[in-house]
Every structure is written in C-alpha cells, then in structure tokens.
Protein backbone atom coordinates (compact mmCIF):
# COMPACT_ATOMS: atom_id res chain seq x y z
CA MET A 1 74.53 77.61 77.75
CA HIS A 2 76.95 80.31 79.11
CA ARG A 3 76.48 78.67 82.60
CA LEU A 4 77.25 75.40 81.49
CA ASN A 5 80.28 76.63 79.63
CA GLN A 6 81.62 78.33 83.01
CA LEU A 7 80.99 75.20 84.81
CA ARG A 8 82.82 73.15 82.41
CA ASP A 9 85.72 75.77 82.64
CA ILE A 10 85.61 75.42 86.39
CA ALA A 11 85.67 71.56 86.34
CA SER A 12 88.57 71.99 83.80
CA SER A 13 90.58 74.54 85.71
CA ASP A 14 89.67 73.96 89.29
CA GLY A 15 88.41 70.27 89.56
CA ILE A 16 85.02 68.55 89.89
CA LEU A 17 84.41 69.30 93.42
CA THR A 18 84.93 72.91 92.98
CA ALA A 19 82.34 72.85 90.03
CA ALA A 20 79.99 70.69 92.10
CA GLU A 21 80.28 73.36 94.87
CA ALA A 22 79.67 76.20 92.60
CA ILE A 23 76.44 74.38 91.26
CA ALA A 24 75.32 74.03 94.96
CA ILE A 25 75.95 77.62 95.78
CA ARG A 26 74.42 78.83 92.59
CA LEU A 27 71.08 76.78 93.14
CA GLY A 28 71.02 77.63 96.92
CA SER A 29 71.56 81.24 96.11
CA LEU A 30 68.45 81.11 93.62
CA VAL A 31 66.34 79.86 96.60
CA PHE A 32 67.66 81.49 99.70
CA GLY A 33 69.65 84.55 98.36
CA HIS A 34 73.50 84.72 97.86
CA SER A 35 74.35 86.22 101.22
CA ARG A 36 72.69 83.62 103.10
CA VAL A 37 74.38 80.70 101.36
CA TYR A 38 77.53 82.43 101.19
CA HIS A 39 77.83 82.75 104.85
CA ALA A 40 76.53 79.36 105.55
CA HIS A 41 79.29 78.04 103.41
CA ALA A 42 81.74 79.95 105.12
CA ARG A 43 80.68 78.76 108.39
CA LEU A 44 80.76 75.03 107.20
CA THR A 45 84.21 75.18 105.89
CA SER A 46 85.39 77.07 108.85
CA LEU A 47 83.94 74.28 111.17
CA LEU A 48 85.45 71.82 109.24
CA PHE A 49 89.04 73.47 109.06
CA ASP A 50 89.21 74.38 112.73
CA LEU A 51 88.09 71.00 113.84
CA SER A 52 90.88 69.32 111.80
CA HIS A 53 93.55 71.76 112.51
CA ARG A 54 92.60 72.54 116.26
CA SER A 55 92.73 76.31 115.28
CA ASP A 56 90.24 79.20 115.53
CA THR A 57 89.97 80.96 112.18
CA GLY A 58 86.32 81.22 111.62
CA GLY A 59 83.64 83.80 112.16
CA LEU A 60 82.31 86.77 110.54
CA ILE A 61 83.73 89.81 112.41
CA PRO A 62 82.64 93.35 111.53
CA VAL A 63 85.43 96.02 111.42
CA ARG A 64 83.58 98.11 113.98
CA SER A 65 83.64 95.25 116.60
CA LEU A 66 87.29 95.38 116.54
CA GLY A 67 87.57 99.00 117.48
CA ILE A 68 89.02 100.02 113.96
CA ASP A 69 87.53 102.71 111.49
CA GLU A 70 85.30 101.13 109.08
CA THR A 71 86.87 102.91 106.34
CA ALA A 72 90.08 100.94 106.90
CA GLY A 73 88.89 97.66 105.52
CA ARG A 74 85.95 95.12 105.14
CA HIS A 75 84.61 92.85 107.86
CA TYR A 76 86.77 89.53 108.57
CA ILE A 77 85.68 86.18 106.97
CA ALA A 78 88.26 83.51 106.09
CA THR A 79 89.02 82.02 102.58
CA PRO A 80 87.52 78.59 101.83
CA PRO A 81 90.69 76.24 102.06
CA ARG A 82 89.99 74.34 98.92
CA ILE A 83 89.55 77.35 96.80
CA PHE A 84 92.67 79.07 98.17
CA ARG A 85 94.50 75.79 97.27
CA ARG A 86 93.09 75.76 93.84
CA MET A 87 93.93 79.56 93.22
CA LEU A 88 97.67 78.93 94.42
CA ALA A 89 97.97 75.82 92.22
CA HIS A 90 97.68 77.99 89.10
CA LEU A 91 100.84 79.92 89.86
CA PRO A 92 103.79 78.80 87.99
CA ILE A 93 106.21 78.87 90.74
CA GLN A 94 108.46 77.13 93.17
CA PRO A 95 106.83 78.29 96.54
CA SER A 96 110.33 77.78 98.24
CA GLN A 97 111.58 80.67 96.06
CA PHE A 98 108.93 83.08 97.15
CA THR A 99 107.66 85.13 100.15
CA PHE A 100 104.12 84.88 100.72
CA VAL A 101 102.16 88.10 102.07
CA ASP A 102 98.79 87.95 103.10
CA MET A 103 97.30 91.75 103.36
CA GLY A 104 94.78 91.79 105.72
CA CYS A 105 95.64 88.48 107.30
CA GLY A 106 93.03 88.38 109.98
CA LYS A 107 93.34 85.12 112.13
CA GLY A 108 95.72 83.62 109.67
CA ARG A 109 93.98 80.81 107.85
CA ALA A 110 95.72 81.77 104.66
CA LEU A 111 99.10 81.81 106.17
CA MET A 112 98.38 78.30 107.59
CA LEU A 113 97.51 76.97 104.18
CA ALA A 114 100.52 78.53 102.58
CA ALA A 115 102.82 77.19 105.22
CA GLU A 116 101.75 73.90 103.87
CA MET A 117 103.16 74.76 100.59
CA SER A 118 106.66 75.50 102.06
CA PHE A 119 107.08 79.28 100.97
CA ARG A 120 110.52 80.70 101.72
CA ARG A 121 108.86 83.37 104.03
CA LEU A 122 105.29 84.07 105.36
CA ILE A 123 104.11 87.56 106.33
CA GLY A 124 100.78 88.59 107.53
CA VAL A 125 99.67 92.18 107.71
CA ASP A 126 96.58 93.44 109.46
CA LEU A 127 95.38 96.40 111.58
CA SER A 128 93.72 94.48 114.26
CA PRO A 129 95.97 93.39 117.30
CA GLU A 130 93.12 91.05 118.47
CA LEU A 131 93.14 89.23 115.24
CA LEU A 132 96.92 89.02 115.04
CA ARG A 133 96.77 87.61 118.53
CA ILE A 134 94.78 84.82 117.38
CA ALA A 135 96.94 84.43 114.07
CA ARG A 136 100.08 84.10 116.09
CA LEU A 137 98.42 81.23 118.11
CA ASN A 138 97.29 79.64 114.89
CA THR A 139 100.51 80.00 112.79
CA ASN A 140 102.51 78.84 115.76
CA GLY A 141 105.23 81.29 115.02
CA ALA A 142 105.57 80.33 111.34
CA ALA A 143 104.75 83.85 110.16
CA GLU A 144 105.89 87.34 110.58
CA LEU A 145 102.89 89.12 111.75
CA ILE A 146 102.85 93.07 111.22
CA CYS A 147 100.22 95.25 113.06
CA THR A 148 99.83 98.29 110.76
CA ASP A 149 97.68 99.95 108.19
CA CYS A 150 98.22 98.06 104.82
CA THR A 151 98.75 101.45 103.14
CA ASN A 152 102.00 101.86 105.34
CA PHE A 153 103.16 98.38 104.59
CA VAL A 154 106.62 98.24 102.65
CA PHE A 155 106.68 95.32 100.38
CA PRO A 156 109.65 93.09 100.54
CA SER A 157 112.00 93.37 97.55
CA GLU A 158 112.30 89.96 96.88
CA ALA A 159 110.05 87.53 94.60
CA THR A 160 106.57 87.68 96.09
CA VAL A 161 103.14 86.11 96.15
CA VAL A 162 100.58 88.58 97.52
CA PHE A 163 97.21 87.32 98.58
CA MET A 164 94.02 89.32 99.31
CA PHE A 165 90.65 88.39 100.17
CA ASN A 166 88.79 91.66 99.23
CA PRO A 167 90.02 93.32 102.37
CA PHE A 168 89.91 96.94 101.64
CA TRP A 169 87.58 99.71 100.06
CA GLU A 170 88.75 101.37 96.92
CA ASP A 171 90.58 104.23 98.46
CA VAL A 172 92.66 101.76 100.58
CA MET A 173 93.33 99.47 97.61
CA ALA A 174 94.40 102.34 95.47
CA GLN A 175 97.25 103.17 97.79
CA VAL A 176 98.22 99.37 98.28
CA VAL A 177 98.30 99.15 94.38
CA SER A 178 100.42 102.12 94.07
CA ASN A 179 102.80 101.20 96.78
CA LEU A 180 103.20 97.92 95.11
CA GLU A 181 103.80 99.56 91.70
CA ARG A 182 106.47 101.81 93.42
CA SER A 183 108.12 98.70 94.89
CA LEU A 184 108.29 96.97 91.52
CA ALA A 185 109.95 99.92 89.85
CA SER A 186 112.50 100.15 92.52
CA HIS A 187 113.18 96.30 92.48
CA PRO A 188 111.90 94.54 89.29
CA ARG A 189 111.01 90.91 90.23
CA ASP A 190 108.43 88.37 89.89
CA VAL A 191 105.33 89.31 92.04
CA TYR A 192 101.91 87.50 91.70
CA VAL A 193 98.68 89.00 93.23
CA THR A 194 96.16 86.41 94.04
CA TYR A 195 92.85 88.21 94.68
CA TYR A 196 89.69 86.39 96.05
CA ARG A 197 86.52 87.92 95.36
CA PRO A 198 88.01 90.88 93.45
CA ALA A 199 85.52 93.70 94.01
CA ILE A 200 88.05 96.18 92.84
CA ARG A 201 90.06 94.55 90.20
CA ARG A 202 89.88 97.49 87.78
CA LEU A 203 92.76 98.92 89.75
CA PHE A 204 95.07 96.07 88.76
CA ASP A 205 93.36 95.85 85.30
CA ARG A 206 94.44 99.37 84.44
CA SER A 207 97.88 99.04 86.01
CA SER A 208 100.92 98.68 83.53
CA SER A 209 102.86 96.79 86.22
CA PHE A 210 100.66 93.96 86.17
CA ARG A 211 98.82 91.61 83.46
CA LEU A 212 95.91 89.12 84.11
CA LEU A 213 97.32 85.64 84.23
CA LYS A 214 94.02 83.63 85.28
CA GLU A 215 90.41 84.66 86.21
CA SER A 216 87.34 82.92 87.27
CA ASP A 217 84.35 85.23 87.03
CA VAL A 218 81.39 83.33 88.30
CA LEU A 219 79.82 83.71 91.68
CA HIS A 220 81.66 80.86 93.06
CA PRO A 221 84.59 80.75 92.83
CA TRP A 222 85.53 84.32 91.82
CA TYR A 223 89.06 85.30 91.80
CA ASP A 224 91.79 86.92 89.53
CA ILE A 225 95.47 86.21 89.50
CA TYR A 226 97.87 88.79 88.29
CA GLN A 227 101.48 88.72 87.29
CA SER A 228 104.09 91.56 87.34
CA THR A 229 105.19 92.75 84.03
CA HIS A 230 108.43 94.04 85.26
C-alpha cells in the first residue's frame, strides 16, 4: 500500500510518464539490481538526448580518470532530462528573474536544459577543465563556466536557483552549504536549491537558512527542493 501511495503521489506531482518510469526502474531493480538498471537508464536517456541535441553529455566518468583527487567529488553522470524539467517545474518562480547555478556541471546538460527555460543568467562550476571544455561546446557560449573547486565558488548576490546532482562527498558539501549560508546572511534574497539524488540532505535539513519545499523520496525520482528562509 505504501508503494502504491508513493506512485500515486508521483503521478499527481510529476506526471504519468514519470510514475511509469518509476515502476519500470523499480521492477527492473528487483530483477537485475538497482545499479545496473540505473546506469542502463542513464545510457538510454543520454543516447536519446544527445542524438536530438547533437551534443555530448552522456557517459559515466570516474573522477580519477579526470586527474582529480577522488575526495573532491563523485563520478560524472548527467541528469535525466525529464526529471530535471519536472523538478524545476515545482519552483514558484519566473526563471527570467533568476540566475541558475549548476554546482558540478560536468558536460553541461543541466545548463542546456536551463537555457530552454530562459533563466536570466547561467553559471556552471566544475573542477575538471576537460568536462568544461565539452560543456562549452554543448552550451554554445550560453553559460558562464568557472573552473574551480566548488568550495571556493562565490555565489552571486542575486535571486538564484542552485542545482546539484549528488556531486560531492560530505566534507565538500558541508563547505558549500556553509558558503551559501554566509552568502544569504550577507545578501538576503530568494534562493532555491534543487538537489537530485540528495544523499547528504541532512546538511540542508538542519540549516536554519533553508526549509524543505518539495521532496520525492522514492528510488526514482529522488530529489529535494529547498527554499531560503531569509
């Protein structure tokens, strides 16, 4: 009954297709294991997206193969396009009045999707020069791409949507959250955090700077959306 209620909630909140996708992934995971099904789904969605956009956003790339310290972040994998669109559809905003920041932007798929929504400004942050080189081609100059450790990134002092796809281990995420809290204290404003596969959500849950706006806590989709309390 609990799973049925979850699927009903997904269908109501994120649409019938997302609910059907969740059922397929759930059943496939029971038979083949979640990791295998999850990565097969990622390969399929990447193939379809890149064919239609003539881009290169797919792949599962370990951090070590990029010449980056493995403590700096997790492996690269791109966000499923439909899940991204459904997540951001829950934001009560006019994108043209907000800056979009992708922390750990990789090859830039989320930036490409955000560009379709007409955000005022697009910023991608990543530590890998190679991934940012590809992101620059994929976004065709539409985004500001910053090559730095995300713990050093200074958040813009304007209304912002921060997007993350489980990019960091806890020590890095703790510093990113702290930086964002300080930024909000210095410049109170509307900030939304859209966090896909939120493995370290507790850092936001216990922050007085944010409140939970929306969540989906099933195997797929799995996301949290937080709003600044300012």
